Each structure stands twice: as C-alpha cells, then as structure tokens.
Amino acid sequence: MATRSFAGNVNAPDFPASVEWINTDRPLSMADLRGKVVILDFWTYC
C-alpha cells in the first residue's frame, strides 16, 4: 500500500476579523495555532 503525505500541500486561510470566539479573550489567527493540534467542532440546531 502506497503512503501519501499531505503535509504542507494546503495552506488554510486566516480567520475573518468578524469571527466571534468563545472561551478566549482575544481573536485567534492561524499563526497562533501553527504547530498545535486543532479540533474543529461544527454543530447546529435543527
């Protein structure tokens, strides 16, 4: 089975300035998260 590395192939855009954050005292940027494990939880009320 061939393995394929995706590291460095896609750059995520920075967050818009209008994003409202929960549980943080300041807006986050992609530079703040570089090198860290990030879990995104998308949810909605139906």
N, C-alpha and C. Protein backbone atom coordinates (compact mmCIF):
# COMPACT_ATOMS: atom_id res chain seq x y z
N MET A 1 0.84 -1.18 0.00
CA MET A 1 0.00 0.00 0.00
C MET A 1 0.89 1.24 0.00
N ALA A 2 0.64 2.12 -0.91
CA ALA A 2 1.41 3.36 -1.00
C ALA A 2 0.94 4.35 0.05
N THR A 3 1.87 5.08 0.61
CA THR A 3 1.51 6.14 1.56
C THR A 3 1.71 7.48 0.89
N ARG A 4 0.92 8.42 1.30
CA ARG A 4 0.99 9.75 0.70
C ARG A 4 0.98 10.79 1.82
N SER A 5 1.89 11.70 1.76
CA SER A 5 1.96 12.75 2.77
C SER A 5 1.26 14.00 2.25
N PHE A 6 0.39 14.57 3.06
CA PHE A 6 -0.31 15.79 2.69
C PHE A 6 0.26 17.01 3.41
N ALA A 7 1.29 16.81 4.19
CA ALA A 7 1.87 17.91 4.96
C ALA A 7 2.38 19.00 4.04
N GLY A 8 1.95 20.22 4.27
CA GLY A 8 2.43 21.36 3.52
C GLY A 8 1.80 21.55 2.15
N ASN A 9 0.83 20.72 1.78
CA ASN A 9 0.22 20.84 0.46
C ASN A 9 -0.89 21.87 0.40
N VAL A 10 -1.52 22.16 1.53
CA VAL A 10 -2.65 23.09 1.54
C VAL A 10 -2.44 24.10 2.66
N ASN A 11 -2.57 25.37 2.34
CA ASN A 11 -2.49 26.41 3.35
C ASN A 11 -3.89 26.90 3.67
N ALA A 12 -4.25 26.85 4.92
CA ALA A 12 -5.57 27.32 5.34
C ALA A 12 -5.58 28.84 5.36
N PRO A 13 -6.69 29.45 4.96
CA PRO A 13 -6.78 30.92 5.03
C PRO A 13 -6.90 31.39 6.47
N ASP A 14 -6.54 32.63 6.73
CA ASP A 14 -6.69 33.19 8.07
C ASP A 14 -8.17 33.41 8.36
N PHE A 15 -8.51 33.51 9.61
CA PHE A 15 -9.90 33.70 10.02
C PHE A 15 -10.35 35.14 9.73
N PRO A 16 -11.60 35.33 9.34
CA PRO A 16 -12.10 36.69 9.14
C PRO A 16 -12.07 37.48 10.45
N ALA A 17 -11.88 38.77 10.37
CA ALA A 17 -11.81 39.61 11.58
C ALA A 17 -13.13 39.66 12.32
N SER A 18 -14.23 39.37 11.65
CA SER A 18 -15.56 39.47 12.27
C SER A 18 -15.99 38.21 13.02
N VAL A 19 -15.14 37.19 13.09
CA VAL A 19 -15.50 35.94 13.77
C VAL A 19 -15.61 36.18 15.27
N GLU A 20 -16.69 35.66 15.88
CA GLU A 20 -16.86 35.74 17.33
C GLU A 20 -16.32 34.46 17.96
N TRP A 21 -15.45 34.62 18.95
CA TRP A 21 -14.82 33.48 19.59
C TRP A 21 -15.43 33.22 20.96
N ILE A 22 -15.45 31.94 21.34
CA ILE A 22 -15.94 31.51 22.65
C ILE A 22 -14.74 30.97 23.44
N ASN A 23 -14.68 31.26 24.71
CA ASN A 23 -13.64 30.76 25.62
C ASN A 23 -12.24 31.27 25.29
N THR A 24 -12.15 32.46 24.76
CA THR A 24 -10.85 33.08 24.55
C THR A 24 -11.00 34.59 24.73
N ASP A 25 -9.95 35.22 25.21
CA ASP A 25 -10.03 36.65 25.49
C ASP A 25 -9.61 37.53 24.31
N ARG A 26 -9.16 36.90 23.21
CA ARG A 26 -8.75 37.67 22.03
C ARG A 26 -8.99 36.82 20.78
N PRO A 27 -9.09 37.44 19.64
CA PRO A 27 -9.24 36.69 18.39
C PRO A 27 -8.01 35.83 18.11
N LEU A 28 -8.23 34.68 17.49
CA LEU A 28 -7.14 33.79 17.14
C LEU A 28 -6.76 33.98 15.68
N SER A 29 -5.54 33.64 15.36
CA SER A 29 -5.09 33.66 13.97
C SER A 29 -4.46 32.31 13.66
N MET A 30 -4.24 32.06 12.39
CA MET A 30 -3.60 30.80 12.00
C MET A 30 -2.18 30.73 12.56
N ALA A 31 -1.51 31.87 12.67
CA ALA A 31 -0.15 31.89 13.23
C ALA A 31 -0.16 31.46 14.70
N ASP A 32 -1.23 31.81 15.44
CA ASP A 32 -1.34 31.39 16.85
C ASP A 32 -1.48 29.88 16.98
N LEU A 33 -2.05 29.24 15.97
CA LEU A 33 -2.34 27.81 16.03
C LEU A 33 -1.28 26.94 15.35
N ARG A 34 -0.31 27.55 14.71
CA ARG A 34 0.71 26.79 13.99
C ARG A 34 1.44 25.83 14.93
N GLY A 35 1.56 24.58 14.52
CA GLY A 35 2.26 23.57 15.30
C GLY A 35 1.43 22.95 16.41
N LYS A 36 0.15 23.31 16.51
CA LYS A 36 -0.72 22.78 17.55
C LYS A 36 -1.80 21.89 16.93
N VAL A 37 -2.28 20.95 17.70
CA VAL A 37 -3.40 20.12 17.27
C VAL A 37 -4.67 20.93 17.47
N VAL A 38 -5.49 21.03 16.43
CA VAL A 38 -6.72 21.82 16.48
C VAL A 38 -7.90 20.92 16.15
N ILE A 39 -8.92 20.94 16.99
CA ILE A 39 -10.14 20.17 16.76
C ILE A 39 -11.25 21.15 16.44
N LEU A 40 -11.87 20.98 15.28
CA LEU A 40 -12.98 21.82 14.89
C LEU A 40 -14.27 21.06 15.12
N ASP A 41 -15.20 21.68 15.81
CA ASP A 41 -16.48 21.06 16.11
C ASP A 41 -17.56 21.92 15.50
N PHE A 42 -18.17 21.45 14.42
CA PHE A 42 -19.24 22.18 13.76
C PHE A 42 -20.56 21.61 14.23
N TRP A 43 -21.45 22.45 14.71
CA TRP A 43 -22.75 21.99 15.15
C TRP A 43 -23.80 23.04 14.85
N THR A 44 -25.03 22.58 14.81
CA THR A 44 -26.15 23.47 14.53
C THR A 44 -27.39 22.93 15.21
N TYR A 45 -28.34 23.80 15.45
CA TYR A 45 -29.64 23.36 15.96
C TYR A 45 -30.57 23.15 14.77
N CYS A 46 -31.19 22.01 14.73
CA CYS A 46 -32.12 21.72 13.61
C CYS A 46 -33.55 21.90 14.05
